[in-house]
């Protein structure tokens, strides 16, 4: 990769500059309300028309080696020259792996160079300040690498960046994308103005928690949801999936959040989980999705399977 994407030799001031620049880009895009001819923004909600080509990357968890392999395989610099090609990351960039800080730096540089066609969604691991959990090791990793300046860096640079990350993406007619899952909605009137609710999901703790933490499950007795063993979020059944897909006119949910053999399907193949971290999860595989406008049309028309577009790393 080119030197300007190098992330292994940095100083605290490099972190502050690069991450703060990305936060500013996110804020400016929200103020403007659009990012390109095919992308609109409202708060923490992204609405995209069908791109010429689409790549979706799941949880990375500090696995810089696998991330670099994916970027090389998609030839990211050539891929991102066209704003009609879209690259979406589904969150969980930090924790568990050896290179959490370096992954953040790389993704922020990527967003800075290609602000209109790289999109960073927020994972539950980027939301520890709102929903604490036991396996959060990013702060201690940061402390080991930057020392005494860690509190200022974390509170004034890292947390504002995490808060700036997007939460929900919709690619019209094709897919909705979140980190975790679909929120359980009891009142159908929610969908009369669902885009506004998603735009403001940062102010709705229940909605935010479920977007970040929910998992799909096949539930007994046609239950729409049950409590999650994670201690946060819910398990949601196919009824919830069908409600969301019907009201958004989408065919799929693309999400991360769960280690698997690179990918897995749930709810009559309407949910595709993509997982892109290998080093911290040696028993699992890593993968990414890459598809084209033509293939998306064929998937929507049921002429081909979405799994044909998944690539194991």
C-alpha atoms as a PDB file:
ATOM      1  CA  UNK A   1       0.000   0.000   0.000  1.00  0.00           C
ATOM      2  CA  UNK A   2       1.080   3.586  -0.584  1.00  0.00           C
ATOM      3  CA  UNK A   3       3.010   5.342   2.168  1.00  0.00           C
ATOM      4  CA  UNK A   4       0.142   7.713   2.932  1.00  0.00           C
ATOM      5  CA  UNK A   5      -1.864   4.732   4.156  1.00  0.00           C
ATOM      6  CA  UNK A   6       0.930   3.504   6.420  1.00  0.00           C
ATOM      7  CA  UNK A   7      -0.289   3.255  10.027  1.00  0.00           C
ATOM      8  CA  UNK A   8       2.428   1.376  11.880  1.00  0.00           C
ATOM      9  CA  UNK A   9       4.598   4.397  12.746  1.00  0.00           C
ATOM     10  CA  UNK A  10       2.589   7.179  14.372  1.00  0.00           C
ATOM     11  CA  UNK A  11       2.598   9.654  17.223  1.00  0.00           C
ATOM     12  CA  UNK A  12      -0.224  10.885  19.428  1.00  0.00           C
ATOM     13  CA  UNK A  13      -0.507  14.051  17.362  1.00  0.00           C
ATOM     14  CA  UNK A  14      -0.985  11.921  14.230  1.00  0.00           C
ATOM     15  CA  UNK A  15      -3.938  10.217  15.911  1.00  0.00           C
ATOM     16  CA  UNK A  16      -5.481  13.524  16.946  1.00  0.00           C
ATOM     17  CA  UNK A  17      -5.121  15.065  13.493  1.00  0.00           C
ATOM     18  CA  UNK A  18      -6.322  12.105  11.426  1.00  0.00           C
ATOM     19  CA  UNK A  19      -9.239  11.056  13.623  1.00  0.00           C
ATOM     20  CA  UNK A  20     -10.415  14.635  14.243  1.00  0.00           C
ATOM     21  CA  UNK A  21     -10.353  15.283  10.496  1.00  0.00           C
ATOM     22  CA  UNK A  22     -12.651  12.308   9.934  1.00  0.00           C
ATOM     23  CA  UNK A  23     -15.045  13.470  12.654  1.00  0.00           C
ATOM     24  CA  UNK A  24     -15.194  16.859  10.939  1.00  0.00           C
ATOM     25  CA  UNK A  25     -15.946  15.206   7.587  1.00  0.00           C
ATOM     26  CA  UNK A  26     -18.855  13.294   9.165  1.00  0.00           C
ATOM     27  CA  UNK A  27     -20.229  16.472  10.739  1.00  0.00           C
ATOM     28  CA  UNK A  28     -19.935  18.432   7.502  1.00  0.00           C
ATOM     29  CA  UNK A  29     -21.679  15.686   5.549  1.00  0.00           C
ATOM     30  CA  UNK A  30     -24.564  15.691   8.000  1.00  0.00           C
ATOM     31  CA  UNK A  31     -24.895  19.454   7.708  1.00  0.00           C
ATOM     32  CA  UNK A  32     -24.852  19.253   3.908  1.00  0.00           C
ATOM     33  CA  UNK A  33     -27.262  16.316   3.770  1.00  0.00           C
ATOM     34  CA  UNK A  34     -25.697  14.575   0.788  1.00  0.00           C
ATOM     35  CA  UNK A  35     -22.379  13.006  -0.129  1.00  0.00           C
ATOM     36  CA  UNK A  36     -22.614  12.326  -3.864  1.00  0.00           C
ATOM     37  CA  UNK A  37     -25.091  11.881  -6.686  1.00  0.00           C
ATOM     38  CA  UNK A  38     -26.216   8.592  -5.155  1.00  0.00           C
ATOM     39  CA  UNK A  39     -25.884   9.296  -1.437  1.00  0.00           C
ATOM     40  CA  UNK A  40     -28.078  11.231   0.989  1.00  0.00           C
ATOM     41  CA  UNK A  41     -27.574  11.699   4.734  1.00  0.00           C
ATOM     42  CA  UNK A  42     -29.871  12.606   7.575  1.00  0.00           C
ATOM     43  CA  UNK A  43     -28.400  12.533  11.057  1.00  0.00           C
ATOM     44  CA  UNK A  44     -27.044   9.026  11.575  1.00  0.00           C
ATOM     45  CA  UNK A  45     -29.009   7.510   8.683  1.00  0.00           C
ATOM     46  CA  UNK A  46     -27.569   6.968   5.182  1.00  0.00           C
ATOM     47  CA  UNK A  47     -29.728   6.445   2.093  1.00  0.00           C
ATOM     48  CA  UNK A  48     -27.986   5.260  -1.066  1.00  0.00           C
ATOM     49  CA  UNK A  49     -29.132   4.498  -4.569  1.00  0.00           C
ATOM     50  CA  UNK A  50     -27.792   1.294  -6.066  1.00  0.00           C
ATOM     51  CA  UNK A  51     -24.033   1.775  -6.591  1.00  0.00           C
ATOM     52  CA  UNK A  52     -22.130   0.588  -9.645  1.00  0.00           C
ATOM     53  CA  UNK A  53     -20.146  -1.668  -7.331  1.00  0.00           C
ATOM     54  CA  UNK A  54     -20.509  -2.373  -3.625  1.00  0.00           C
ATOM     55  CA  UNK A  55     -18.103  -3.798  -1.036  1.00  0.00           C
ATOM     56  CA  UNK A  56     -19.223  -4.506   2.531  1.00  0.00           C
ATOM     57  CA  UNK A  57     -16.727  -5.388   5.280  1.00  0.00           C
ATOM     58  CA  UNK A  58     -17.775  -6.852   8.633  1.00  0.00           C
ATOM     59  CA  UNK A  59     -16.145  -6.759  12.083  1.00  0.00           C
ATOM     60  CA  UNK A  60     -12.393  -6.145  12.012  1.00  0.00           C
ATOM     61  CA  UNK A  61     -11.494  -6.142  15.732  1.00  0.00           C
ATOM     62  CA  UNK A  62      -7.947  -4.856  15.360  1.00  0.00           C
ATOM     63  CA  UNK A  63      -7.048  -7.380  12.646  1.00  0.00           C
ATOM     64  CA  UNK A  64      -4.978  -5.119  10.406  1.00  0.00           C
ATOM     65  CA  UNK A  65      -3.535  -8.039   8.426  1.00  0.00           C
ATOM     66  CA  UNK A  66      -6.938  -9.277   7.252  1.00  0.00           C
ATOM     67  CA  UNK A  67      -8.108  -5.728   6.572  1.00  0.00           C
ATOM     68  CA  UNK A  68      -5.079  -5.128   4.348  1.00  0.00           C
ATOM     69  CA  UNK A  69      -5.753  -8.395   2.497  1.00  0.00           C
ATOM     70  CA  UNK A  70      -9.322  -7.312   1.782  1.00  0.00           C
ATOM     71  CA  UNK A  71      -8.199  -3.894   0.583  1.00  0.00           C
ATOM     72  CA  UNK A  72      -5.639  -5.473  -1.720  1.00  0.00           C
ATOM     73  CA  UNK A  73      -8.142  -7.951  -3.138  1.00  0.00           C
ATOM     74  CA  UNK A  74     -10.640  -5.245  -4.039  1.00  0.00           C
ATOM     75  CA  UNK A  75      -7.810  -2.987  -5.328  1.00  0.00           C
ATOM     76  CA  UNK A  76      -9.268  -0.257  -3.129  1.00  0.00           C
ATOM     77  CA  UNK A  77      -7.485   2.734  -4.649  1.00  0.00           C
ATOM     78  CA  UNK A  78      -8.735   1.923  -8.127  1.00  0.00           C
ATOM     79  CA  UNK A  79     -12.149   0.869  -6.774  1.00  0.00           C
ATOM     80  CA  UNK A  80     -12.664   4.155  -4.932  1.00  0.00           C
ATOM     81  CA  UNK A  81     -11.682   6.423  -7.829  1.00  0.00           C
ATOM     82  CA  UNK A  82     -15.341   6.333  -8.898  1.00  0.00           C
ATOM     83  CA  UNK A  83     -17.817   7.804  -6.421  1.00  0.00           C
ATOM     84  CA  UNK A  84     -20.479   5.445  -7.756  1.00  0.00           C
ATOM     85  CA  UNK A  85     -18.503   2.587  -6.152  1.00  0.00           C
ATOM     86  CA  UNK A  86     -19.341   2.267  -2.455  1.00  0.00           C
ATOM     87  CA  UNK A  87     -17.318   0.752   0.407  1.00  0.00           C
ATOM     88  CA  UNK A  88     -19.165   0.215   3.696  1.00  0.00           C
ATOM     89  CA  UNK A  89     -17.707  -0.969   7.009  1.00  0.00           C
ATOM     90  CA  UNK A  90     -20.154  -2.452   9.524  1.00  0.00           C
ATOM     91  CA  UNK A  91     -18.391  -1.492  12.771  1.00  0.00           C
ATOM     92  CA  UNK A  92     -16.408  -3.178  15.555  1.00  0.00           C
ATOM     93  CA  UNK A  93     -13.036  -1.874  14.455  1.00  0.00           C
ATOM     94  CA  UNK A  94     -11.414  -2.201  17.880  1.00  0.00           C
ATOM     95  CA  UNK A  95     -10.800  -4.668  20.757  1.00  0.00           C
ATOM     96  CA  UNK A  96      -9.466  -8.229  20.844  1.00  0.00           C
ATOM     97  CA  UNK A  97      -6.960  -7.806  18.002  1.00  0.00           C
ATOM     98  CA  UNK A  98      -3.419  -6.467  18.181  1.00  0.00           C
ATOM     99  CA  UNK A  99      -3.884  -3.399  15.983  1.00  0.00           C
ATOM    100  CA  UNK A 100      -7.041  -1.571  17.056  1.00  0.00           C
ATOM    101  CA  UNK A 101      -5.442   1.884  16.874  1.00  0.00           C
ATOM    102  CA  UNK A 102      -3.837   1.136  13.526  1.00  0.00           C
ATOM    103  CA  UNK A 103      -7.149  -0.068  12.100  1.00  0.00           C
ATOM    104  CA  UNK A 104      -8.820   3.169  13.218  1.00  0.00           C
ATOM    105  CA  UNK A 105      -6.033   5.201  11.634  1.00  0.00           C
ATOM    106  CA  UNK A 106      -6.307   3.327   8.342  1.00  0.00           C
ATOM    107  CA  UNK A 107     -10.082   3.698   8.170  1.00  0.00           C
ATOM    108  CA  UNK A 108      -9.901   7.401   9.009  1.00  0.00           C
ATOM    109  CA  UNK A 109      -7.311   7.946   6.289  1.00  0.00           C
ATOM    110  CA  UNK A 110      -9.508   6.024   3.882  1.00  0.00           C
ATOM    111  CA  UNK A 111     -12.520   8.195   4.730  1.00  0.00           C
ATOM    112  CA  UNK A 112     -10.401  11.345   4.410  1.00  0.00           C
ATOM    113  CA  UNK A 113      -9.162  10.411   0.930  1.00  0.00           C
ATOM    114  CA  UNK A 114     -12.531   9.124  -0.299  1.00  0.00           C
ATOM    115  CA  UNK A 115     -15.153  10.939   1.796  1.00  0.00           C
ATOM    116  CA  UNK A 116     -18.053  10.451  -0.595  1.00  0.00           C
ATOM    117  CA  UNK A 117     -17.935   6.695  -1.108  1.00  0.00           C
ATOM    118  CA  UNK A 118     -16.467   5.264   2.111  1.00  0.00           C
ATOM    119  CA  UNK A 119     -18.947   4.872   4.974  1.00  0.00           C
ATOM    120  CA  UNK A 120     -18.146   3.840   8.540  1.00  0.00           C
ATOM    121  CA  UNK A 121     -20.967   2.404  10.626  1.00  0.00           C
ATOM    122  CA  UNK A 122     -20.757   2.211  14.385  1.00  0.00           C
ATOM    123  CA  UNK A 123     -20.422  -1.086  16.222  1.00  0.00           C
ATOM    124  CA  UNK A 124     -21.163  -1.933  19.834  1.00  0.00           C
ATOM    125  CA  UNK A 125     -17.408  -1.864  20.523  1.00  0.00           C
ATOM    126  CA  UNK A 126     -17.389   1.801  19.499  1.00  0.00           C
ATOM    127  CA  UNK A 127     -20.151   2.450  22.015  1.00  0.00           C
ATOM    128  CA  UNK A 128     -18.612   1.415  25.333  1.00  0.00           C
ATOM    129  CA  UNK A 129     -19.276   4.890  26.732  1.00  0.00           C
ATOM    130  CA  UNK A 130     -23.010   4.246  26.305  1.00  0.00           C
ATOM    131  CA  UNK A 131     -23.244   0.482  26.850  1.00  0.00           C
ATOM    132  CA  UNK A 132     -20.271  -0.800  28.928  1.00  0.00           C
ATOM    133  CA  UNK A 133     -19.243  -4.447  28.627  1.00  0.00           C
ATOM    134  CA  UNK A 134     -16.489  -6.591  30.115  1.00  0.00           C
ATOM    135  CA  UNK A 135     -14.253  -7.326  27.099  1.00  0.00           C
ATOM    136  CA  UNK A 136     -13.384  -3.717  26.286  1.00  0.00           C
ATOM    137  CA  UNK A 137      -9.594  -3.533  26.021  1.00  0.00           C
ATOM    138  CA  UNK A 138      -9.188  -0.585  23.654  1.00  0.00           C
ATOM    139  CA  UNK A 139      -8.550   1.965  26.394  1.00  0.00           C
ATOM    140  CA  UNK A 140      -5.743  -0.106  27.936  1.00  0.00           C
ATOM    141  CA  UNK A 141      -4.284  -0.638  24.456  1.00  0.00           C
ATOM    142  CA  UNK A 142      -4.354   3.107  23.904  1.00  0.00           C
ATOM    143  CA  UNK A 143      -2.736   3.708  27.293  1.00  0.00           C
ATOM    144  CA  UNK A 144       0.106   1.312  26.485  1.00  0.00           C
ATOM    145  CA  UNK A 145       0.818   3.015  23.182  1.00  0.00           C
ATOM    146  CA  UNK A 146       0.393   6.735  23.916  1.00  0.00           C
ATOM    147  CA  UNK A 147       0.988   6.932  27.679  1.00  0.00           C
ATOM    148  CA  UNK A 148       0.039   9.929  29.788  1.00  0.00           C
ATOM    149  CA  UNK A 149      -1.886  11.756  27.071  1.00  0.00           C
ATOM    150  CA  UNK A 150      -4.462   8.936  26.892  1.00  0.00           C
ATOM    151  CA  UNK A 151      -7.320  10.657  28.752  1.00  0.00           C
ATOM    152  CA  UNK A 152      -7.231  13.783  26.604  1.00  0.00           C
ATOM    153  CA  UNK A 153      -6.900  11.739  23.430  1.00  0.00           C
ATOM    154  CA  UNK A 154      -9.715   9.375  24.406  1.00  0.00           C
ATOM    155  CA  UNK A 155     -12.207  11.961  25.650  1.00  0.00           C
ATOM    156  CA  UNK A 156     -11.517  14.785  23.209  1.00  0.00           C
ATOM    157  CA  UNK A 157     -10.727  12.855  20.013  1.00  0.00           C
ATOM    158  CA  UNK A 158     -11.740   9.174  20.129  1.00  0.00           C
ATOM    159  CA  UNK A 159     -15.181   9.507  21.724  1.00  0.00           C
ATOM    160  CA  UNK A 160     -16.346  12.364  19.444  1.00  0.00           C
ATOM    161  CA  UNK A 161     -15.273  10.217  16.479  1.00  0.00           C
ATOM    162  CA  UNK A 162     -17.241   7.231  17.766  1.00  0.00           C
ATOM    163  CA  UNK A 163     -20.290   9.462  18.275  1.00  0.00           C
ATOM    164  CA  UNK A 164     -19.961  10.716  14.685  1.00  0.00           C
ATOM    165  CA  UNK A 165     -20.149   7.229  13.135  1.00  0.00           C
ATOM    166  CA  UNK A 166     -23.299   6.341  11.201  1.00  0.00           C
ATOM    167  CA  UNK A 167     -25.780   3.820  12.550  1.00  0.00           C
ATOM    168  CA  UNK A 168     -28.093   2.670   9.787  1.00  0.00           C
ATOM    169  CA  UNK A 169     -27.734   2.497   6.011  1.00  0.00           C
ATOM    170  CA  UNK A 170     -30.332   1.721   3.369  1.00  0.00           C
ATOM    171  CA  UNK A 171     -29.543   0.872  -0.245  1.00  0.00           C
ATOM    172  CA  UNK A 172     -32.848   1.440  -1.990  1.00  0.00           C
ATOM    173  CA  UNK A 173     -34.661  -1.737  -2.983  1.00  0.00           C
ATOM    174  CA  UNK A 174     -31.726  -3.957  -2.032  1.00  0.00           C
ATOM    175  CA  UNK A 175     -30.604  -3.955   1.588  1.00  0.00           C
ATOM    176  CA  UNK A 176     -30.570  -2.302   4.960  1.00  0.00           C
ATOM    177  CA  UNK A 177     -27.242  -2.395   6.801  1.00  0.00           C
ATOM    178  CA  UNK A 178     -26.527  -2.175  10.521  1.00  0.00           C
ATOM    179  CA  UNK A 179     -23.842  -3.460  12.823  1.00  0.00           C
ATOM    180  CA  UNK A 180     -26.017  -5.619  15.052  1.00  0.00           C
ATOM    181  CA  UNK A 181     -29.565  -6.080  13.970  1.00  0.00           C
ATOM    182  CA  UNK A 182     -33.062  -4.761  13.510  1.00  0.00           C
ATOM    183  CA  UNK A 183     -34.811  -3.054  16.415  1.00  0.00           C
ATOM    184  CA  UNK A 184     -38.010  -4.609  17.713  1.00  0.00           C
ATOM    185  CA  UNK A 185     -40.786  -2.152  16.841  1.00  0.00           C
ATOM    186  CA  UNK A 186     -44.062  -2.628  18.703  1.00  0.00           C
ATOM    187  CA  UNK A 187     -45.950   0.263  17.094  1.00  0.00           C
ATOM    188  CA  UNK A 188     -46.349  -0.032  13.292  1.00  0.00           C
ATOM    189  CA  UNK A 189     -46.802   3.761  13.114  1.00  0.00           C
ATOM    190  CA  UNK A 190     -43.032   3.963  13.622  1.00  0.00           C
ATOM    191  CA  UNK A 191     -42.579   3.121   9.954  1.00  0.00           C
ATOM    192  CA  UNK A 192     -44.681   6.072   8.793  1.00  0.00           C
ATOM    193  CA  UNK A 193     -41.648   8.192   9.645  1.00  0.00           C
ATOM    194  CA  UNK A 194     -38.924   5.595  10.200  1.00  0.00           C
ATOM    195  CA  UNK A 195     -36.202   7.571   8.423  1.00  0.00           C
ATOM    196  CA  UNK A 196     -36.630  10.431  10.869  1.00  0.00           C
ATOM    197  CA  UNK A 197     -36.481   8.033  13.819  1.00  0.00           C
ATOM    198  CA  UNK A 198     -33.283   6.472  12.462  1.00  0.00           C
ATOM    199  CA  UNK A 199     -31.795   9.904  11.807  1.00  0.00           C
ATOM    200  CA  UNK A 200     -32.203  10.681  15.504  1.00  0.00           C
ATOM    201  CA  UNK A 201     -31.342   7.230  16.858  1.00  0.00           C
ATOM    202  CA  UNK A 202     -28.385   8.608  18.800  1.00  0.00           C
ATOM    203  CA  UNK A 203     -30.916  10.321  21.076  1.00  0.00           C
ATOM    204  CA  UNK A 204     -33.015   7.158  21.546  1.00  0.00           C
ATOM    205  CA  UNK A 205     -31.109   4.768  23.811  1.00  0.00           C
ATOM    206  CA  UNK A 206     -33.416   1.809  23.188  1.00  0.00           C
ATOM    207  CA  UNK A 207     -33.219   2.170  19.415  1.00  0.00           C
ATOM    208  CA  UNK A 208     -29.461   2.710  19.591  1.00  0.00           C
ATOM    209  CA  UNK A 209     -28.879  -0.330  21.811  1.00  0.00           C
ATOM    210  CA  UNK A 210     -30.863  -2.635  19.542  1.00  0.00           C
ATOM    211  CA  UNK A 211     -29.209  -1.431  16.330  1.00  0.00           C
ATOM    212  CA  UNK A 212     -25.812  -2.115  17.890  1.00  0.00           C
ATOM    213  CA  UNK A 213     -26.509  -5.273  19.917  1.00  0.00           C
ATOM    214  CA  UNK A 214     -29.436  -7.263  18.469  1.00  0.00           C
ATOM    215  CA  UNK A 215     -29.011 -10.705  16.860  1.00  0.00           C
ATOM    216  CA  UNK A 216     -31.355 -12.723  14.616  1.00  0.00           C
ATOM    217  CA  UNK A 217     -32.617 -16.033  15.962  1.00  0.00           C
ATOM    218  CA  UNK A 218     -35.222 -18.666  15.098  1.00  0.00           C
ATOM    219  CA  UNK A 219     -37.498 -18.250  18.100  1.00  0.00           C
ATOM    220  CA  UNK A 220     -40.035 -20.777  19.417  1.00  0.00           C
ATOM    221  CA  UNK A 221     -43.794 -20.266  19.397  1.00  0.00           C
ATOM    222  CA  UNK A 222     -43.533 -17.531  16.765  1.00  0.00           C
ATOM    223  CA  UNK A 223     -42.167 -15.101  19.348  1.00  0.00           C
ATOM    224  CA  UNK A 224     -40.989 -11.856  17.779  1.00  0.00           C
ATOM    225  CA  UNK A 225     -38.153 -11.405  20.275  1.00  0.00           C
ATOM    226  CA  UNK A 226     -36.500 -12.681  23.447  1.00  0.00           C
ATOM    227  CA  UNK A 227     -33.840 -11.431  25.836  1.00  0.00           C
ATOM    228  CA  UNK A 228     -30.257 -11.795  24.643  1.00  0.00           C
ATOM    229  CA  UNK A 229     -27.598 -13.801  26.442  1.00  0.00           C
ATOM    230  CA  UNK A 230     -25.254 -10.900  25.756  1.00  0.00           C
ATOM    231  CA  UNK A 231     -26.973  -8.916  28.512  1.00  0.00           C
ATOM    232  CA  UNK A 232     -27.612  -6.084  26.057  1.00  0.00           C
ATOM    233  CA  UNK A 233     -29.904  -5.982  23.054  1.00  0.00           C
ATOM    234  CA  UNK A 234     -32.412  -8.640  22.055  1.00  0.00           C
ATOM    235  CA  UNK A 235     -32.766 -11.715  19.912  1.00  0.00           C
ATOM    236  CA  UNK A 236     -35.252 -10.890  17.152  1.00  0.00           C
ATOM    237  CA  UNK A 237     -37.298 -13.328  15.120  1.00  0.00           C
ATOM    238  CA  UNK A 238     -38.301 -13.484  11.469  1.00  0.00           C
ATOM    239  CA  UNK A 239     -41.448 -11.466  12.153  1.00  0.00           C
ATOM    240  CA  UNK A 240     -39.268  -8.446  12.969  1.00  0.00           C
ATOM    241  CA  UNK A 241     -37.135  -9.021   9.873  1.00  0.00           C
ATOM    242  CA  UNK A 242     -40.200  -9.241   7.619  1.00  0.00           C
ATOM    243  CA  UNK A 243     -41.662  -6.082   9.127  1.00  0.00           C
ATOM    244  CA  UNK A 244     -38.507  -4.062   8.458  1.00  0.00           C
ATOM    245  CA  UNK A 245     -37.955  -5.408   4.950  1.00  0.00           C
ATOM    246  CA  UNK A 246     -41.577  -4.874   4.001  1.00  0.00           C
ATOM    247  CA  UNK A 247     -41.603  -1.275   5.217  1.00  0.00           C
ATOM    248  CA  UNK A 248     -38.259  -0.380   3.641  1.00  0.00           C
ATOM    249  CA  UNK A 249     -38.942  -2.317   0.405  1.00  0.00           C
ATOM    250  CA  UNK A 250     -35.567  -4.028   0.819  1.00  0.00           C
ATOM    251  CA  UNK A 251     -34.685  -7.689   0.271  1.00  0.00           C
ATOM    252  CA  UNK A 252     -31.958  -8.205   2.890  1.00  0.00           C
ATOM    253  CA  UNK A 253     -30.336  -7.142   6.099  1.00  0.00           C
ATOM    254  CA  UNK A 254     -26.525  -7.056   5.878  1.00  0.00           C
ATOM    255  CA  UNK A 255     -24.946  -7.031   9.322  1.00  0.00           C
ATOM    256  CA  UNK A 256     -21.881  -8.072  11.347  1.00  0.00           C
ATOM    257  CA  UNK A 257     -21.620  -8.558  15.115  1.00  0.00           C
ATOM    258  CA  UNK A 258     -21.334 -12.377  15.239  1.00  0.00           C
ATOM    259  CA  UNK A 259     -18.232 -14.492  14.575  1.00  0.00           C
ATOM    260  CA  UNK A 260     -18.955 -17.140  11.950  1.00  0.00           C
ATOM    261  CA  UNK A 261     -17.266 -18.964   9.083  1.00  0.00           C
ATOM    262  CA  UNK A 262     -16.936 -15.693   7.198  1.00  0.00           C
ATOM    263  CA  UNK A 263     -20.660 -15.424   6.649  1.00  0.00           C
ATOM    264  CA  UNK A 264     -23.967 -17.007   7.610  1.00  0.00           C
ATOM    265  CA  UNK A 265     -27.621 -16.738   6.642  1.00  0.00           C
ATOM    266  CA  UNK A 266     -30.674 -16.385   8.886  1.00  0.00           C
ATOM    267  CA  UNK A 267     -34.418 -15.941   8.541  1.00  0.00           C
ATOM    268  CA  UNK A 268     -35.049 -17.704   5.243  1.00  0.00           C
ATOM    269  CA  UNK A 269     -31.859 -16.221   3.763  1.00  0.00           C
ATOM    270  CA  UNK A 270     -33.068 -12.664   4.322  1.00  0.00           C
ATOM    271  CA  UNK A 271     -30.200 -11.847   6.695  1.00  0.00           C
ATOM    272  CA  UNK A 272     -26.546 -12.115   5.745  1.00  0.00           C
ATOM    273  CA  UNK A 273     -23.977 -11.823   8.531  1.00  0.00           C
ATOM    274  CA  UNK A 274     -20.488 -10.848   7.345  1.00  0.00           C
ATOM    275  CA  UNK A 275     -17.471 -11.264   9.608  1.00  0.00           C
ATOM    276  CA  UNK A 276     -14.066  -9.943   8.544  1.00  0.00           C
ATOM    277  CA  UNK A 277     -11.722 -10.661  11.466  1.00  0.00           C
ATOM    278  CA  UNK A 278      -9.477 -13.718  11.523  1.00  0.00           C
ATOM    279  CA  UNK A 279      -6.529 -13.283  13.915  1.00  0.00           C
ATOM    280  CA  UNK A 280      -8.569 -12.860  17.139  1.00  0.00           C
ATOM    281  CA  UNK A 281     -10.930 -15.669  16.056  1.00  0.00           C
ATOM    282  CA  UNK A 282      -8.751 -18.559  14.791  1.00  0.00           C
ATOM    283  CA  UNK A 283     -11.665 -21.025  14.865  1.00  0.00           C
ATOM    284  CA  UNK A 284     -13.647 -18.907  12.428  1.00  0.00           C
ATOM    285  CA  UNK A 285     -13.156 -17.508   8.927  1.00  0.00           C
ATOM    286  CA  UNK A 286     -13.210 -13.960   7.580  1.00  0.00           C
ATOM    287  CA  UNK A 287     -14.986 -12.686   4.491  1.00  0.00           C
ATOM    288  CA  UNK A 288     -16.321  -9.629   2.675  1.00  0.00           C
ATOM    289  CA  UNK A 289     -19.082  -8.991   0.168  1.00  0.00           C
ATOM    290  CA  UNK A 290     -18.418  -7.566  -3.267  1.00  0.00           C
ATOM    291  CA  UNK A 291     -21.161  -7.149  -5.826  1.00  0.00           C
ATOM    292  CA  UNK A 292     -22.096  -5.049  -8.844  1.00  0.00           C
ATOM    293  CA  UNK A 293     -25.199  -3.173  -9.933  1.00  0.00           C
ATOM    294  CA  UNK A 294     -25.979  -5.964 -12.389  1.00  0.00           C
ATOM    295  CA  UNK A 295     -25.595  -8.649  -9.722  1.00  0.00           C
ATOM    296  CA  UNK A 296     -27.726  -6.658  -7.282  1.00  0.00           C
ATOM    297  CA  UNK A 297     -30.504  -6.601  -9.875  1.00  0.00           C
ATOM    298  CA  UNK A 298     -30.192 -10.355 -10.340  1.00  0.00           C
ATOM    299  CA  UNK A 299     -30.254 -10.920  -6.566  1.00  0.00           C
ATOM    300  CA  UNK A 300     -33.381  -8.770  -6.195  1.00  0.00           C
ATOM    301  CA  UNK A 301     -35.050 -10.728  -9.012  1.00  0.00           C
ATOM    302  CA  UNK A 302     -34.036 -14.022  -7.356  1.00  0.00           C
ATOM    303  CA  UNK A 303     -31.911 -15.013 -10.338  1.00  0.00           C
ATOM    304  CA  UNK A 304     -28.820 -15.532  -8.195  1.00  0.00           C
ATOM    305  CA  UNK A 305     -27.913 -15.962  -4.535  1.00  0.00           C
ATOM    306  CA  UNK A 306     -26.338 -13.205  -2.470  1.00  0.00           C
ATOM    307  CA  UNK A 307     -23.818 -15.736  -1.145  1.00  0.00           C
ATOM    308  CA  UNK A 308     -22.247 -15.848  -4.623  1.00  0.00           C
ATOM    309  CA  UNK A 309     -20.953 -12.348  -3.866  1.00  0.00           C
ATOM    310  CA  UNK A 310     -19.250 -13.325  -0.592  1.00  0.00           C
ATOM    311  CA  UNK A 311     -15.502 -13.854  -0.698  1.00  0.00           C
ATOM    312  CA  UNK A 312     -13.547 -15.723   1.965  1.00  0.00           C
ATOM    313  CA  UNK A 313     -10.223 -14.104   2.813  1.00  0.00           C
END
